Amino acid sequence: MAANTNSNRSAWVQLYEARSVPSEPESRSPGRPPGIVPRRKVGLTLSQGEITEIEHWQDRFSNLMGRKVSVGETVGILVRICSARLANLEEELDTQVLSMFVEKLVGEE
């Protein structure tokens, strides 16, 4: 008999009743969805000179890309540049002294 009662109601009443049924909230954690590449927050102790250099590169990359580049993106780009440079100079960099290592990696200023 209940099935008969439902079929006798007009479609707009059934539609209204369907809309008024509380919907289940999406089961999703609050906040921004996770990124494709997992990232981790780290703390660094830098000198003012190092901070200035990072900010300088951040501004240069931002101007080149036409958008704001984050500090994390800037450091990531610089790390990849250093990795490529190190791979090219691997055989020439057999020193145990940090200053000599940096001088060979960076080149003459």
N, C-alpha and C. Protein backbone atom coordinates (compact mmCIF):
# COMPACT_ATOMS: atom_id res chain seq x y z
N MET A 1 0.82 -1.18 0.00
CA MET A 1 0.00 0.00 0.00
C MET A 1 0.87 1.25 0.00
N ALA A 2 2.03 1.20 0.68
CA ALA A 2 2.91 2.36 0.73
C ALA A 2 3.46 2.67 -0.65
N ALA A 3 3.72 1.64 -1.46
CA ALA A 3 4.21 1.85 -2.82
C ALA A 3 3.16 2.56 -3.65
N ASN A 4 1.90 2.21 -3.44
CA ASN A 4 0.80 2.86 -4.14
C ASN A 4 0.69 4.32 -3.76
N THR A 5 0.91 4.64 -2.50
CA THR A 5 0.82 6.01 -2.02
C THR A 5 1.91 6.86 -2.67
N ASN A 6 3.13 6.33 -2.77
CA ASN A 6 4.23 7.06 -3.38
C ASN A 6 3.98 7.32 -4.86
N SER A 7 3.40 6.36 -5.57
CA SER A 7 3.18 6.54 -7.00
C SER A 7 2.04 7.50 -7.27
N ASN A 8 1.13 7.70 -6.32
CA ASN A 8 0.01 8.62 -6.49
C ASN A 8 0.43 10.08 -6.30
N ARG A 9 1.55 10.33 -5.63
CA ARG A 9 2.00 11.71 -5.42
C ARG A 9 2.55 12.28 -6.73
N SER A 10 2.40 13.58 -6.87
CA SER A 10 2.92 14.19 -8.09
C SER A 10 4.45 14.23 -8.06
N ALA A 11 5.06 14.36 -9.22
CA ALA A 11 6.52 14.33 -9.35
C ALA A 11 7.16 15.48 -8.57
N TRP A 12 6.52 16.67 -8.57
CA TRP A 12 7.15 17.80 -7.89
C TRP A 12 7.19 17.60 -6.39
N VAL A 13 6.22 16.87 -5.82
CA VAL A 13 6.22 16.58 -4.39
C VAL A 13 7.35 15.61 -4.08
N GLN A 14 7.53 14.61 -4.93
CA GLN A 14 8.61 13.64 -4.72
C GLN A 14 9.98 14.34 -4.84
N LEU A 15 10.08 15.26 -5.80
CA LEU A 15 11.33 16.00 -5.96
C LEU A 15 11.61 16.86 -4.74
N TYR A 16 10.57 17.53 -4.24
CA TYR A 16 10.72 18.36 -3.04
C TYR A 16 11.16 17.52 -1.85
N GLU A 17 10.54 16.35 -1.69
CA GLU A 17 10.91 15.47 -0.58
C GLU A 17 12.34 14.97 -0.72
N ALA A 18 12.77 14.70 -1.95
CA ALA A 18 14.14 14.23 -2.16
C ALA A 18 15.14 15.33 -1.80
N ARG A 19 14.80 16.58 -2.10
CA ARG A 19 15.69 17.70 -1.78
C ARG A 19 15.76 17.95 -0.28
N SER A 20 14.69 17.69 0.43
CA SER A 20 14.67 17.99 1.86
C SER A 20 15.30 16.90 2.71
N VAL A 21 15.67 15.77 2.10
CA VAL A 21 16.35 14.71 2.84
C VAL A 21 17.78 15.19 3.10
N PRO A 22 18.21 15.17 4.35
CA PRO A 22 19.58 15.64 4.62
C PRO A 22 20.60 14.76 3.90
N SER A 23 21.49 15.42 3.18
CA SER A 23 22.50 14.67 2.43
C SER A 23 23.67 14.34 3.34
N GLU A 24 24.35 13.28 3.01
CA GLU A 24 25.52 12.85 3.76
C GLU A 24 26.67 13.80 3.42
N PRO A 25 27.33 14.37 4.41
CA PRO A 25 28.48 15.23 4.09
C PRO A 25 29.61 14.40 3.49
N GLU A 26 30.37 15.04 2.59
CA GLU A 26 31.50 14.35 1.97
C GLU A 26 32.52 14.01 3.04
N SER A 27 33.00 12.78 3.00
CA SER A 27 34.01 12.39 3.99
C SER A 27 35.38 12.79 3.43
N ARG A 28 35.85 13.94 3.84
CA ARG A 28 37.12 14.49 3.37
C ARG A 28 37.70 15.29 4.52
N SER A 29 38.98 15.21 4.65
CA SER A 29 39.61 15.97 5.74
C SER A 29 39.55 17.46 5.41
N PRO A 30 39.46 18.29 6.43
CA PRO A 30 39.37 19.73 6.18
C PRO A 30 40.69 20.28 5.64
N GLY A 31 40.61 21.41 4.99
CA GLY A 31 41.81 22.08 4.51
C GLY A 31 42.13 21.77 3.06
N ARG A 32 43.30 22.18 2.66
CA ARG A 32 43.75 22.00 1.28
C ARG A 32 44.02 20.52 1.01
N PRO A 33 43.65 20.02 -0.19
CA PRO A 33 43.95 18.62 -0.48
C PRO A 33 45.46 18.40 -0.58
N PRO A 34 45.91 17.19 -0.32
CA PRO A 34 47.35 16.94 -0.35
C PRO A 34 47.92 17.14 -1.75
N GLY A 35 49.16 17.59 -1.81
CA GLY A 35 49.81 17.82 -3.09
C GLY A 35 50.21 16.51 -3.75
N ILE A 36 50.52 16.60 -5.03
CA ILE A 36 50.94 15.43 -5.79
C ILE A 36 52.30 14.94 -5.29
N VAL A 37 53.19 15.90 -5.05
CA VAL A 37 54.52 15.56 -4.55
C VAL A 37 54.53 15.80 -3.05
N PRO A 38 54.81 14.77 -2.25
CA PRO A 38 54.85 14.98 -0.80
C PRO A 38 55.95 15.97 -0.43
N ARG A 39 55.63 16.87 0.47
CA ARG A 39 56.58 17.88 0.91
C ARG A 39 56.66 17.86 2.43
N ARG A 40 57.77 18.35 2.96
CA ARG A 40 57.97 18.34 4.40
C ARG A 40 58.54 19.68 4.82
N LYS A 41 57.99 20.23 5.87
CA LYS A 41 58.47 21.52 6.40
C LYS A 41 59.76 21.27 7.17
N VAL A 42 60.76 22.11 6.91
CA VAL A 42 62.04 21.99 7.61
C VAL A 42 62.43 23.35 8.17
N GLY A 43 63.26 23.32 9.16
CA GLY A 43 63.78 24.55 9.75
C GLY A 43 65.25 24.72 9.37
N LEU A 44 65.65 25.93 9.07
CA LEU A 44 67.04 26.20 8.69
C LEU A 44 67.57 27.37 9.50
N THR A 45 68.86 27.37 9.69
CA THR A 45 69.53 28.52 10.28
C THR A 45 70.41 29.10 9.20
N LEU A 46 70.08 30.30 8.74
CA LEU A 46 70.81 30.93 7.65
C LEU A 46 71.36 32.27 8.08
N SER A 47 72.47 32.66 7.46
CA SER A 47 73.01 34.00 7.71
C SER A 47 72.18 35.00 6.92
N GLN A 48 72.33 36.28 7.25
CA GLN A 48 71.59 37.31 6.52
C GLN A 48 72.00 37.31 5.05
N GLY A 49 73.27 37.05 4.78
CA GLY A 49 73.75 36.99 3.39
C GLY A 49 73.07 35.88 2.61
N GLU A 50 72.91 34.71 3.25
CA GLU A 50 72.24 33.58 2.58
C GLU A 50 70.76 33.88 2.35
N ILE A 51 70.13 34.51 3.31
CA ILE A 51 68.71 34.88 3.16
C ILE A 51 68.57 35.88 2.01
N THR A 52 69.47 36.84 1.95
CA THR A 52 69.44 37.84 0.88
C THR A 52 69.60 37.18 -0.48
N GLU A 53 70.51 36.21 -0.58
CA GLU A 53 70.71 35.49 -1.85
C GLU A 53 69.45 34.72 -2.26
N ILE A 54 68.85 34.04 -1.30
CA ILE A 54 67.63 33.28 -1.61
C ILE A 54 66.52 34.24 -2.06
N GLU A 55 66.37 35.35 -1.35
CA GLU A 55 65.35 36.33 -1.74
C GLU A 55 65.63 36.91 -3.12
N HIS A 56 66.90 37.13 -3.43
CA HIS A 56 67.30 37.64 -4.75
C HIS A 56 66.88 36.64 -5.84
N TRP A 57 67.20 35.36 -5.62
CA TRP A 57 66.83 34.33 -6.59
C TRP A 57 65.32 34.15 -6.68
N GLN A 58 64.66 34.27 -5.56
CA GLN A 58 63.20 34.17 -5.54
C GLN A 58 62.59 35.27 -6.42
N ASP A 59 63.09 36.48 -6.30
CA ASP A 59 62.61 37.60 -7.13
C ASP A 59 62.91 37.35 -8.60
N ARG A 60 64.12 36.87 -8.90
CA ARG A 60 64.49 36.60 -10.30
C ARG A 60 63.59 35.53 -10.91
N PHE A 61 63.39 34.42 -10.17
CA PHE A 61 62.53 33.36 -10.68
C PHE A 61 61.10 33.84 -10.84
N SER A 62 60.61 34.63 -9.89
CA SER A 62 59.25 35.17 -9.96
C SER A 62 59.08 36.05 -11.20
N ASN A 63 60.08 36.90 -11.49
CA ASN A 63 60.02 37.74 -12.68
C ASN A 63 60.05 36.92 -13.95
N LEU A 64 60.88 35.88 -13.98
CA LEU A 64 60.98 35.03 -15.17
C LEU A 64 59.68 34.25 -15.42
N MET A 65 59.04 33.81 -14.36
CA MET A 65 57.84 32.98 -14.50
C MET A 65 56.55 33.79 -14.53
N GLY A 66 56.64 35.05 -14.18
CA GLY A 66 55.44 35.89 -14.19
C GLY A 66 54.46 35.56 -13.08
N ARG A 67 54.95 34.98 -12.00
CA ARG A 67 54.11 34.66 -10.83
C ARG A 67 55.01 34.62 -9.61
N LYS A 68 54.39 34.64 -8.45
CA LYS A 68 55.14 34.57 -7.19
C LYS A 68 55.68 33.15 -7.03
N VAL A 69 56.98 33.03 -6.89
CA VAL A 69 57.63 31.74 -6.64
C VAL A 69 57.93 31.68 -5.15
N SER A 70 57.56 30.59 -4.51
CA SER A 70 57.75 30.46 -3.06
C SER A 70 59.23 30.23 -2.72
N VAL A 71 59.56 30.42 -1.46
CA VAL A 71 60.92 30.16 -1.00
C VAL A 71 61.25 28.67 -1.20
N GLY A 72 60.29 27.81 -0.90
CA GLY A 72 60.51 26.37 -1.09
C GLY A 72 60.80 26.02 -2.53
N GLU A 73 60.04 26.62 -3.46
CA GLU A 73 60.29 26.38 -4.89
C GLU A 73 61.67 26.91 -5.27
N THR A 74 62.03 28.08 -4.75
CA THR A 74 63.33 28.68 -5.06
C THR A 74 64.46 27.78 -4.60
N VAL A 75 64.39 27.33 -3.37
CA VAL A 75 65.44 26.45 -2.83
C VAL A 75 65.47 25.14 -3.63
N GLY A 76 64.30 24.61 -3.98
CA GLY A 76 64.25 23.38 -4.78
C GLY A 76 64.92 23.54 -6.13
N ILE A 77 64.68 24.67 -6.79
CA ILE A 77 65.31 24.93 -8.10
C ILE A 77 66.82 25.04 -7.93
N LEU A 78 67.25 25.80 -6.93
CA LEU A 78 68.69 25.97 -6.70
C LEU A 78 69.38 24.65 -6.36
N VAL A 79 68.71 23.81 -5.59
CA VAL A 79 69.28 22.50 -5.24
C VAL A 79 69.45 21.64 -6.49
N ARG A 80 68.46 21.68 -7.37
CA ARG A 80 68.56 20.89 -8.60
C ARG A 80 69.66 21.42 -9.52
N ILE A 81 69.85 22.74 -9.56
CA ILE A 81 70.95 23.32 -10.33
C ILE A 81 72.29 22.85 -9.77
N CYS A 82 72.42 22.86 -8.43
CA CYS A 82 73.66 22.39 -7.80
C CYS A 82 73.89 20.90 -8.07
N SER A 83 72.83 20.12 -8.04
CA SER A 83 72.97 18.68 -8.30
C SER A 83 73.48 18.43 -9.72
N ALA A 84 72.94 19.17 -10.68
CA ALA A 84 73.38 19.02 -12.07
C ALA A 84 74.82 19.47 -12.22
N ARG A 85 75.18 20.57 -11.59
CA ARG A 85 76.56 21.09 -11.64
C ARG A 85 77.52 20.09 -11.01
N LEU A 86 77.14 19.53 -9.88
CA LEU A 86 77.99 18.55 -9.20
C LEU A 86 78.18 17.30 -10.06
N ALA A 87 77.12 16.86 -10.72
CA ALA A 87 77.23 15.68 -11.59
C ALA A 87 78.20 15.94 -12.74
N ASN A 88 78.24 17.17 -13.25
CA ASN A 88 79.15 17.51 -14.35
C ASN A 88 80.60 17.62 -13.88
N LEU A 89 80.82 17.95 -12.62
CA LEU A 89 82.17 18.16 -12.10
C LEU A 89 82.63 17.05 -11.16
N GLU A 90 81.93 15.95 -11.11
CA GLU A 90 82.17 14.89 -10.12
C GLU A 90 83.64 14.51 -10.00
N GLU A 91 84.32 14.31 -11.11
CA GLU A 91 85.71 13.84 -11.07
C GLU A 91 86.67 14.91 -10.57
N GLU A 92 86.34 16.18 -10.79
CA GLU A 92 87.22 17.27 -10.40
C GLU A 92 87.06 17.65 -8.92
N LEU A 93 86.05 17.13 -8.24
CA LEU A 93 85.73 17.57 -6.87
C LEU A 93 86.16 16.54 -5.83
N ASP A 94 87.42 16.21 -5.80
CA ASP A 94 87.89 15.28 -4.79
C ASP A 94 88.71 16.01 -3.74
N THR A 95 88.04 16.89 -3.01
CA THR A 95 88.69 17.65 -1.94
C THR A 95 87.90 17.49 -0.65
N GLN A 96 88.60 17.58 0.47
CA GLN A 96 87.96 17.44 1.77
C GLN A 96 87.73 18.80 2.44
N VAL A 97 88.21 19.86 1.84
CA VAL A 97 88.10 21.20 2.42
C VAL A 97 86.88 21.89 1.83
N LEU A 98 85.97 22.34 2.69
CA LEU A 98 84.70 22.93 2.24
C LEU A 98 84.92 24.13 1.33
N SER A 99 85.82 25.04 1.72
CA SER A 99 86.03 26.24 0.91
C SER A 99 86.53 25.90 -0.49
N MET A 100 87.40 24.90 -0.61
CA MET A 100 87.90 24.49 -1.92
C MET A 100 86.79 23.81 -2.72
N PHE A 101 85.99 23.03 -2.03
CA PHE A 101 84.86 22.35 -2.68
C PHE A 101 83.89 23.38 -3.28
N VAL A 102 83.52 24.38 -2.47
CA VAL A 102 82.59 25.42 -2.92
C VAL A 102 83.20 26.20 -4.08
N GLU A 103 84.49 26.53 -3.96
CA GLU A 103 85.15 27.28 -5.02
C GLU A 103 85.13 26.52 -6.35
N LYS A 104 85.39 25.23 -6.31
CA LYS A 104 85.35 24.43 -7.54
C LYS A 104 83.91 24.28 -8.05
N LEU A 105 82.97 24.12 -7.16
CA LEU A 105 81.56 23.95 -7.57
C LEU A 105 81.01 25.23 -8.18
N VAL A 106 81.28 26.35 -7.52
CA VAL A 106 80.72 27.63 -7.97
C VAL A 106 81.52 28.21 -9.12
N GLY A 107 82.83 27.99 -9.10
CA GLY A 107 83.68 28.59 -10.12
C GLY A 107 84.24 29.90 -9.62
N GLU A 108 85.03 30.51 -10.44
CA GLU A 108 85.64 31.78 -10.05
C GLU A 108 84.60 32.88 -10.07
N GLU A 109 84.62 33.72 -9.06
CA GLU A 109 83.65 34.83 -8.98
C GLU A 109 84.21 36.08 -9.58
